[in-house]
Amino acid sequence: MEMTAATSAPDIRALNERIHAHSAFIDLLMMELNKAVVGQKMMTERLLIGLLAGGHVLLEGVPGLAKTLAIKSMASAIQARFSRIQFTPDLLPADVLGTMMYNPQAHEFSVRKGPIFANFVLADEINRAPAKVQSALLEAMQERQVTIGDATYKLDEPFLVLATQNPIEQEGTYELPEAQVDRFMLKVVITYPTKEDERLIIRQNLNPEGNPKINPVIDPQTIVDARKLVRQVYMDEKIEQYILDIVFATRFPEAAKLPKLKGLISYGGSPRASISLAHAAKAYAFIKRRGYVIPEDVRAICPDVMRHRIGVTYEAEAENITSEDILKEILNAVEVP
């Protein structure tokens, strides 16, 4: 969206006050999530950014890091319809989307909707299923609709695919197709908790009263309304240019005075990367209770938006250079407005 210089300071101040007032539910939601999920503040924050920006989230980490727990807790706190699909090598597209069932009494076919028809769809261990099943998700993720037989069904809003995957080196996992990976707004890498956090986790799980109960604090309509406000967060032309400079540096590193990266990048971010970075930066500003985006918002969310959108060459792999290393070089080189 093009911003003009006509946007005056009082407008931004009024917008700032409105967003500050309407983002109060963020603290309530985070407080509720922190009851169940200990020490993974960054993960819960990124889940919230995906939710507010209308983007899907891919969580990568070894089993046991509370990925599934965080997603289930968020669904409970928002009173949203939740479904879980355990991805396995023998999973079929119909197991995800649904299928046409024949009713012998009525002598007709009827649609049996699959688990994709929910607000929160947890695709657990998504990289354990082959590409045929991954492709079944593409229409739902991009178009927010599902085709079964010759009929198309709109999905309810908010609709969010939250996928978990184990590190690709583990046995029995498949590389996700690039087209699908690009449809995830964020890819969040989860690390082990600290010793202090893990001590709290042990105590919480040994508690005779069981795990803390997640109370519903908001409803799905609150999220739908908040998404409209997130889109109104002010983004200056200089911030837009900063986003473009970062994304274009992944495609043409020599133009960004980074010729050494040319042989390390096989492909850069698509236009979807620019769109996602702008949306995610606005959502990050909203979470920080601000009505405008600052460069730090872009820098904070950039690794999660871009790490899965930069392809590395064999030369980079041979030198153990990752997409995150490349991104650090770019962020250090691109001029901050």
Protein backbone atom coordinates (compact mmCIF):
# COMPACT_ATOMS: atom_id res chain seq x y z
CA MET A 1 0.00 0.00 0.00
CA GLU A 2 1.43 3.36 -0.99
CA MET A 3 1.80 5.87 1.84
CA THR A 4 1.83 9.59 1.14
CA ALA A 5 3.41 12.44 3.03
CA ALA A 6 -0.11 13.75 3.66
CA THR A 7 -0.48 11.39 6.62
CA SER A 8 -0.10 13.86 9.46
CA ALA A 9 1.28 13.36 12.97
CA PRO A 10 -2.14 13.77 14.70
CA ASP A 11 -3.50 10.91 12.51
CA ILE A 12 -0.68 8.65 13.62
CA ARG A 13 -1.17 9.69 17.24
CA ALA A 14 -4.89 8.88 17.04
CA LEU A 15 -4.13 5.55 15.35
CA ASN A 16 -1.54 4.80 18.01
CA GLU A 17 -4.07 5.43 20.78
CA ARG A 18 -6.70 3.29 19.08
CA ILE A 19 -4.34 0.37 18.58
CA HIS A 20 -3.03 0.69 22.14
CA ALA A 21 -6.61 0.44 23.41
CA HIS A 22 -7.64 -2.48 21.18
CA SER A 23 -4.48 -4.55 21.72
CA ALA A 24 -5.07 -5.01 25.46
CA PHE A 25 -6.17 -8.62 24.85
CA ILE A 26 -2.57 -9.48 23.86
CA ASP A 27 -1.44 -9.38 27.50
CA LEU A 28 -4.39 -11.55 28.57
CA LEU A 29 -3.67 -14.10 25.86
CA MET A 30 0.09 -14.24 26.55
CA MET A 31 -0.56 -14.61 30.28
CA GLU A 32 -2.85 -17.58 29.62
CA LEU A 33 -0.36 -19.24 27.25
CA ASN A 34 2.51 -18.77 29.70
CA LYS A 35 0.56 -20.83 32.26
CA ALA A 36 0.99 -23.94 30.09
CA VAL A 37 4.08 -23.16 27.99
CA VAL A 38 7.18 -22.40 30.06
CA GLY A 39 10.21 -20.60 28.65
CA GLN A 40 9.19 -20.43 25.00
CA LYS A 41 8.16 -16.76 24.86
CA MET A 42 9.60 -16.29 21.39
CA MET A 43 7.58 -19.23 20.02
CA THR A 44 4.27 -18.05 21.52
CA GLU A 45 4.92 -14.51 20.27
CA ARG A 46 5.57 -15.79 16.74
CA LEU A 47 2.39 -17.88 16.83
CA LEU A 48 0.50 -14.73 17.75
CA ILE A 49 2.15 -12.76 14.93
CA GLY A 50 1.06 -15.42 12.44
CA LEU A 51 -2.46 -15.33 13.84
CA LEU A 52 -2.73 -11.51 13.68
CA ALA A 53 -1.10 -11.24 10.25
CA GLY A 54 -3.23 -14.04 8.77
CA GLY A 55 -0.20 -16.19 7.97
CA HIS A 56 0.59 -19.86 8.56
CA VAL A 57 3.41 -20.88 10.88
CA LEU A 58 5.95 -23.71 10.59
CA LEU A 59 7.64 -24.75 13.84
CA GLU A 60 10.85 -26.77 13.62
CA GLY A 61 12.46 -28.50 16.56
CA VAL A 62 13.12 -31.89 18.09
CA PRO A 63 10.16 -33.65 19.76
CA GLY A 64 9.25 -32.60 23.30
CA LEU A 65 9.71 -28.82 23.04
CA ALA A 66 6.01 -27.95 23.66
CA LYS A 67 5.22 -27.14 20.02
CA THR A 68 1.92 -29.04 20.05
CA LEU A 69 1.10 -27.86 23.58
CA ALA A 70 1.53 -24.21 22.58
CA ILE A 71 -0.82 -24.55 19.60
CA LYS A 72 -3.51 -26.45 21.57
CA SER A 73 -3.29 -23.91 24.41
CA MET A 74 -3.73 -20.99 22.01
CA ALA A 75 -6.82 -22.62 20.46
CA SER A 76 -8.32 -23.14 23.94
CA ALA A 77 -7.62 -19.54 25.01
CA ILE A 78 -9.33 -18.20 21.86
CA GLN A 79 -12.31 -20.63 21.99
CA ALA A 80 -11.47 -21.64 18.43
CA ARG A 81 -12.28 -24.92 16.69
CA PHE A 82 -9.13 -27.02 16.76
CA SER A 83 -8.16 -30.13 14.83
CA ARG A 84 -4.99 -32.15 14.74
CA ILE A 85 -3.69 -34.17 11.81
CA GLN A 86 -0.84 -36.55 12.55
CA PHE A 87 1.15 -36.75 9.31
CA THR A 88 2.43 -40.24 8.50
CA PRO A 89 3.90 -41.83 5.33
CA ASP A 90 0.57 -43.60 4.57
CA LEU A 91 -1.64 -40.49 4.96
CA LEU A 92 -3.93 -39.72 1.99
CA PRO A 93 -5.23 -36.32 0.76
CA ALA A 94 -8.79 -37.42 1.63
CA ASP A 95 -7.67 -37.90 5.26
CA VAL A 96 -6.93 -34.17 5.37
CA LEU A 97 -9.60 -32.58 3.15
CA GLY A 98 -12.50 -35.02 3.38
CA THR A 99 -14.21 -37.13 0.73
CA MET A 100 -17.47 -38.03 -1.02
CA MET A 101 -19.32 -40.81 0.83
CA TYR A 102 -22.03 -42.96 -0.76
CA ASN A 103 -25.27 -43.27 1.20
CA PRO A 104 -26.93 -46.56 0.10
CA GLN A 105 -30.30 -45.66 1.68
CA ALA A 106 -30.60 -42.33 -0.16
CA HIS A 107 -28.74 -43.61 -3.27
CA GLU A 108 -26.61 -40.47 -3.35
CA PHE A 109 -23.18 -39.16 -2.46
CA SER A 110 -22.68 -36.76 0.44
CA VAL A 111 -19.61 -34.79 1.51
CA ARG A 112 -17.79 -35.84 4.64
CA LYS A 113 -15.59 -32.90 5.63
CA GLY A 114 -12.09 -33.61 6.88
CA PRO A 115 -10.09 -32.11 9.78
CA ILE A 116 -8.99 -29.15 7.63
CA PHE A 117 -12.38 -27.56 8.45
CA ALA A 118 -11.36 -25.84 11.68
CA ASN A 119 -9.94 -22.48 12.82
CA PHE A 120 -6.65 -23.96 14.01
CA VAL A 121 -5.28 -26.92 12.09
CA LEU A 122 -2.26 -28.55 13.69
CA ALA A 123 -0.29 -30.44 11.03
CA ASP A 124 1.88 -32.50 13.35
CA GLU A 125 5.23 -33.73 11.96
CA ILE A 126 4.22 -32.42 8.53
CA ASN A 127 7.45 -33.60 6.90
CA ARG A 128 6.67 -37.26 7.60
CA ALA A 129 4.10 -37.38 4.75
CA PRO A 130 4.95 -37.48 1.03
CA ALA A 131 4.40 -34.63 -1.46
CA LYS A 132 0.96 -35.93 -2.57
CA VAL A 133 -0.48 -35.07 0.85
CA GLN A 134 1.44 -31.78 1.07
CA SER A 135 -0.15 -30.66 -2.20
CA ALA A 136 -3.61 -31.23 -0.69
CA LEU A 137 -2.89 -28.42 1.77
CA LEU A 138 -1.86 -25.84 -0.83
CA GLU A 139 -5.34 -24.68 -1.88
CA ALA A 140 -6.52 -24.46 1.74
CA MET A 141 -3.46 -22.46 2.81
CA GLN A 142 -3.48 -19.99 -0.06
CA GLU A 143 -7.11 -19.69 -1.16
CA ARG A 144 -8.77 -20.43 2.22
CA GLN A 145 -11.02 -22.93 0.47
CA VAL A 146 -11.22 -26.68 -0.17
CA THR A 147 -12.48 -28.53 -3.26
CA ILE A 148 -14.12 -31.92 -2.71
CA GLY A 149 -15.54 -33.56 -5.82
CA ASP A 150 -16.97 -30.74 -7.94
CA ALA A 151 -17.89 -28.45 -5.02
CA THR A 152 -15.76 -25.78 -3.34
CA TYR A 153 -16.14 -24.91 0.35
CA LYS A 154 -14.93 -21.74 2.02
CA LEU A 155 -13.02 -22.17 5.28
CA ASP A 156 -14.05 -20.24 8.38
CA GLU A 157 -11.97 -17.28 9.58
CA PRO A 158 -9.67 -17.11 11.37
CA PHE A 159 -8.04 -20.06 9.58
CA LEU A 160 -4.49 -20.96 10.45
CA VAL A 161 -2.28 -23.93 9.63
CA LEU A 162 0.28 -24.46 12.36
CA ALA A 163 2.70 -27.15 11.29
CA THR A 164 5.46 -28.83 13.25
CA GLN A 165 8.39 -30.59 11.67
CA ASN A 166 11.37 -32.48 12.97
CA PRO A 167 14.84 -31.47 11.74
CA ILE A 168 15.28 -32.85 8.24
CA GLU A 169 18.28 -34.98 9.23
CA GLN A 170 16.00 -37.29 11.22
CA GLU A 171 15.05 -40.60 9.61
CA GLY A 172 11.70 -40.97 7.87
CA THR A 173 11.30 -37.31 6.93
CA TYR A 174 10.73 -35.67 3.53
CA GLU A 175 11.81 -32.26 2.29
CA LEU A 176 8.73 -30.05 1.98
CA PRO A 177 8.09 -28.74 -1.57
CA GLU A 178 9.33 -25.16 -2.08
CA ALA A 179 5.83 -24.02 -3.16
CA GLN A 180 4.43 -25.13 0.18
CA VAL A 181 7.29 -23.84 2.32
CA ASP A 182 6.80 -20.40 0.71
CA ARG A 183 3.17 -20.40 1.87
CA PHE A 184 4.26 -20.41 5.51
CA MET A 185 4.59 -16.79 6.60
CA LEU A 186 6.97 -17.76 9.41
CA LYS A 187 9.35 -20.60 10.05
CA VAL A 188 10.28 -20.64 13.73
CA VAL A 189 13.19 -22.74 14.97
CA ILE A 190 12.63 -23.93 18.55
CA THR A 191 15.61 -24.54 20.83
CA TYR A 192 15.95 -26.31 24.17
CA PRO A 193 14.80 -24.45 27.30
CA THR A 194 17.28 -23.12 29.87
CA LYS A 195 18.00 -25.11 33.06
CA GLU A 196 15.81 -22.79 35.13
CA ASP A 197 12.92 -23.09 32.70
CA GLU A 198 13.28 -26.86 32.56
CA ARG A 199 13.20 -27.02 36.36
CA LEU A 200 9.83 -25.20 36.23
CA ILE A 201 8.64 -27.62 33.54
CA ILE A 202 9.51 -30.62 35.75
CA ARG A 203 7.73 -29.11 38.75
CA GLN A 204 4.68 -28.27 36.66
CA ASN A 205 4.44 -31.83 35.33
CA LEU A 206 4.90 -33.34 38.81
CA ASN A 207 2.18 -31.13 40.27
CA PRO A 208 -0.46 -33.40 41.93
CA GLU A 209 -3.22 -31.10 40.64
CA GLY A 210 -2.14 -31.71 37.04
CA ASN A 211 -1.28 -29.20 34.33
CA PRO A 212 -2.77 -25.67 34.57
CA LYS A 213 -6.16 -25.29 32.91
CA ILE A 214 -6.29 -22.86 29.99
CA ASN A 215 -9.24 -20.50 30.33
CA PRO A 216 -10.91 -18.93 27.26
CA VAL A 217 -10.06 -15.22 27.37
CA ILE A 218 -11.13 -14.03 23.90
CA ASP A 219 -13.18 -15.35 20.97
CA PRO A 220 -12.33 -15.83 17.27
CA GLN A 221 -14.16 -12.60 16.31
CA THR A 222 -11.66 -10.62 18.44
CA ILE A 223 -8.88 -11.98 16.22
CA VAL A 224 -10.80 -11.18 13.01
CA ASP A 225 -11.31 -7.58 14.24
CA ALA A 226 -7.68 -7.29 15.36
CA ARG A 227 -6.49 -8.38 11.89
CA LYS A 228 -8.32 -5.40 10.37
CA LEU A 229 -6.54 -3.09 12.83
CA VAL A 230 -3.16 -4.68 12.11
CA ARG A 231 -3.57 -3.74 8.44
CA GLN A 232 -4.10 -0.10 9.52
CA VAL A 233 -0.74 0.06 11.35
CA TYR A 234 1.22 2.86 9.67
CA MET A 235 4.20 1.88 7.54
CA ASP A 236 6.33 4.70 6.20
CA GLU A 237 7.73 4.61 2.65
CA LYS A 238 11.25 4.35 4.11
CA ILE A 239 10.27 1.14 5.92
CA GLU A 240 8.73 -0.22 2.70
CA GLN A 241 12.00 0.56 0.92
CA TYR A 242 13.97 -1.17 3.71
CA ILE A 243 11.88 -4.33 3.25
CA LEU A 244 12.41 -4.24 -0.52
CA ASP A 245 16.17 -3.70 -0.10
CA ILE A 246 16.41 -6.79 2.15
CA VAL A 247 14.39 -9.05 -0.17
CA PHE A 248 16.12 -7.82 -3.34
CA ALA A 249 19.52 -8.41 -1.70
CA THR A 250 18.61 -12.11 -1.47
CA ARG A 251 17.99 -12.16 -5.24
CA PHE A 252 20.76 -9.84 -6.47
CA PRO A 253 23.44 -9.77 -3.74
CA GLU A 254 26.00 -8.10 -6.01
CA ALA A 255 23.68 -5.07 -6.41
CA ALA A 256 23.65 -4.80 -2.60
CA LYS A 257 27.49 -4.77 -2.62
CA LEU A 258 27.62 -8.38 -1.40
CA PRO A 259 29.25 -10.15 -4.40
CA LYS A 260 30.64 -12.93 -2.17
CA LEU A 261 27.05 -14.15 -1.55
CA LYS A 262 26.28 -14.67 -5.25
CA GLY A 263 27.74 -18.18 -5.35
CA LEU A 264 26.05 -19.14 -2.08
CA ILE A 265 22.40 -18.31 -2.93
CA SER A 266 20.52 -20.58 -5.36
CA TYR A 267 17.29 -18.56 -5.14
CA GLY A 268 16.09 -15.56 -3.15
CA GLY A 269 12.81 -14.49 -1.59
CA SER A 270 9.71 -14.31 -3.80
CA PRO A 271 7.26 -11.36 -3.75
CA ARG A 272 5.43 -13.37 -1.09
CA ALA A 273 8.49 -12.76 1.12
CA SER A 274 8.07 -8.97 0.81
CA ILE A 275 4.34 -9.20 1.54
CA SER A 276 4.92 -11.50 4.53
CA LEU A 277 7.67 -9.29 5.94
CA ALA A 278 5.40 -6.21 5.75
CA HIS A 279 2.43 -8.03 7.34
CA ALA A 280 4.56 -9.61 10.07
CA ALA A 281 6.26 -6.27 10.90
CA LYS A 282 2.83 -4.64 11.30
CA ALA A 283 1.66 -7.50 13.54
CA TYR A 284 4.87 -7.22 15.60
CA ALA A 285 4.25 -3.47 16.07
CA PHE A 286 0.65 -4.26 17.11
CA ILE A 287 1.88 -6.75 19.73
CA LYS A 288 4.22 -4.06 21.04
CA ARG A 289 1.09 -1.82 21.31
CA ARG A 290 2.29 0.62 18.63
CA GLY A 291 0.40 2.10 15.67
CA TYR A 292 3.46 2.43 13.42
CA VAL A 293 6.31 0.21 12.21
CA ILE A 294 9.94 0.97 13.07
CA PRO A 295 13.04 -0.65 11.48
CA GLU A 296 13.60 -2.76 14.63
CA ASP A 297 10.23 -4.47 13.97
CA VAL A 298 11.44 -5.55 10.53
CA ARG A 299 14.82 -6.73 11.86
CA ALA A 300 13.22 -8.64 14.76
CA ILE A 301 10.86 -10.66 12.57
CA CYS A 302 13.07 -10.92 9.45
CA PRO A 303 14.84 -14.23 10.33
CA ASP A 304 11.52 -16.04 10.85
CA VAL A 305 10.04 -14.68 7.61
CA MET A 306 13.13 -15.23 5.44
CA ARG A 307 15.05 -18.27 6.72
CA HIS A 308 12.96 -20.73 4.64
CA ARG A 309 12.85 -18.49 1.56
CA ILE A 310 16.57 -18.38 0.75
CA GLY A 311 17.94 -21.37 -1.14
CA VAL A 312 21.58 -22.23 -0.50
CA THR A 313 23.90 -23.76 -3.12
CA TYR A 314 26.01 -26.89 -2.77
CA GLU A 315 29.03 -24.60 -2.29
CA ALA A 316 27.34 -22.99 0.72
CA GLU A 317 26.42 -26.40 2.16
CA ALA A 318 30.00 -27.58 1.71
CA GLU A 319 31.18 -24.60 3.77
CA ASN A 320 28.39 -25.13 6.37
CA ILE A 321 26.84 -21.76 5.49
CA THR A 322 23.11 -21.62 6.23
CA SER A 323 20.38 -19.28 5.00
CA GLU A 324 20.52 -17.62 8.43
CA ASP A 325 24.23 -16.83 7.99
CA ILE A 326 23.43 -15.27 4.60
CA LEU A 327 20.57 -13.27 6.12
CA LYS A 328 22.84 -11.90 8.88
CA GLU A 329 25.27 -10.65 6.22
CA ILE A 330 22.41 -8.97 4.34
CA LEU A 331 20.94 -7.32 7.45
CA ASN A 332 24.37 -5.99 8.37
CA ALA A 333 24.92 -4.60 4.86
CA VAL A 334 21.51 -3.09 4.02
CA GLU A 335 21.22 0.50 5.21
CA VAL A 336 18.71 0.97 8.04
CA PRO A 337 16.40 4.00 7.53
